[in-house]
């Protein structure tokens, strides 16, 4: 279920609510003192690529796949 951030205009308090979108629309219509606050979604970032996180064992698997694919294979490692 999505989480929405709303602001109480009278107290300037921010609250996160967890509900379906249809319920959230009803919440905003029934509570005019609240307005929706749009925020950027949280993202996950890292310094390592997926291939590097997999380790040297994954490189061994890729080499075996390339060796077994035949001489006309266009697999590049």
Protein backbone atom coordinates (compact mmCIF):
# COMPACT_ATOMS: atom_id res chain seq x y z
CA UNK A 1 0.00 0.00 0.00
CA UNK A 2 1.36 3.44 -0.81
CA UNK A 3 2.44 5.93 1.82
CA UNK A 4 1.38 9.55 1.36
CA UNK A 5 2.77 12.58 3.17
CA UNK A 6 0.24 15.21 4.21
CA UNK A 7 0.62 18.54 5.95
CA UNK A 8 -1.77 19.97 8.50
CA UNK A 9 -2.04 23.61 7.42
CA UNK A 10 -3.06 24.91 10.84
CA UNK A 11 -0.30 23.22 12.87
CA UNK A 12 2.26 22.84 10.04
CA UNK A 13 2.72 19.23 11.13
CA UNK A 14 3.68 16.57 8.57
CA UNK A 15 2.09 13.13 8.79
CA UNK A 16 2.55 9.99 6.70
CA UNK A 17 -0.59 7.98 6.00
CA UNK A 18 -0.71 4.48 4.56
CA UNK A 19 -3.87 3.73 2.59
CA UNK A 20 -5.17 2.95 -0.91
CA UNK A 21 -5.42 5.89 -3.31
CA UNK A 22 -9.24 5.92 -3.33
CA UNK A 23 -9.28 6.16 0.49
CA UNK A 24 -6.63 8.87 0.34
CA UNK A 25 -8.75 10.99 -2.02
CA UNK A 26 -11.69 10.64 0.39
CA UNK A 27 -9.39 11.56 3.29
CA UNK A 28 -8.33 14.79 1.56
CA UNK A 29 -11.93 15.69 0.68
CA UNK A 30 -13.13 15.04 4.25
CA UNK A 31 -10.20 16.87 5.88
CA UNK A 32 -9.65 20.21 4.10
CA UNK A 33 -7.04 21.25 6.67
CA UNK A 34 -4.65 18.66 5.17
CA UNK A 35 -2.82 19.05 1.87
CA UNK A 36 -0.70 16.47 0.09
CA UNK A 37 3.06 17.02 0.08
CA UNK A 38 4.88 15.66 -2.94
CA UNK A 39 8.27 14.15 -2.21
CA UNK A 40 10.86 12.43 -4.33
CA UNK A 41 10.76 8.66 -3.88
CA UNK A 42 13.62 7.07 -2.02
CA UNK A 43 16.21 5.50 -4.28
CA UNK A 44 18.83 2.91 -3.63
CA UNK A 45 22.29 3.55 -4.91
CA UNK A 46 25.55 1.84 -4.44
CA UNK A 47 29.14 1.93 -5.51
CA UNK A 48 29.32 -1.62 -6.78
CA UNK A 49 27.87 -2.97 -10.00
CA UNK A 50 25.75 -6.11 -9.89
CA UNK A 51 28.49 -8.06 -11.65
CA UNK A 52 31.08 -6.96 -9.11
CA UNK A 53 28.78 -7.84 -6.20
CA UNK A 54 28.31 -11.32 -7.68
CA UNK A 55 32.02 -11.98 -7.31
CA UNK A 56 34.51 -14.12 -9.18
CA UNK A 57 32.24 -17.17 -9.08
CA UNK A 58 29.88 -15.44 -11.52
CA UNK A 59 32.78 -14.77 -13.90
CA UNK A 60 33.55 -18.51 -13.86
CA UNK A 61 29.94 -19.30 -14.79
CA UNK A 62 30.05 -16.79 -17.67
CA UNK A 63 33.27 -18.35 -18.99
CA UNK A 64 31.68 -21.82 -18.93
CA UNK A 65 28.63 -20.52 -20.81
CA UNK A 66 30.85 -18.96 -23.46
CA UNK A 67 32.94 -22.15 -23.82
CA UNK A 68 29.82 -24.31 -24.21
CA UNK A 69 28.09 -22.00 -26.68
CA UNK A 70 30.01 -23.13 -29.77
CA UNK A 71 32.60 -21.61 -32.05
CA UNK A 72 30.16 -19.29 -33.91
CA UNK A 73 28.90 -17.73 -30.67
CA UNK A 74 28.87 -13.96 -30.40
CA UNK A 75 29.03 -13.92 -26.60
CA UNK A 76 31.49 -11.29 -25.34
CA UNK A 77 32.77 -11.14 -21.80
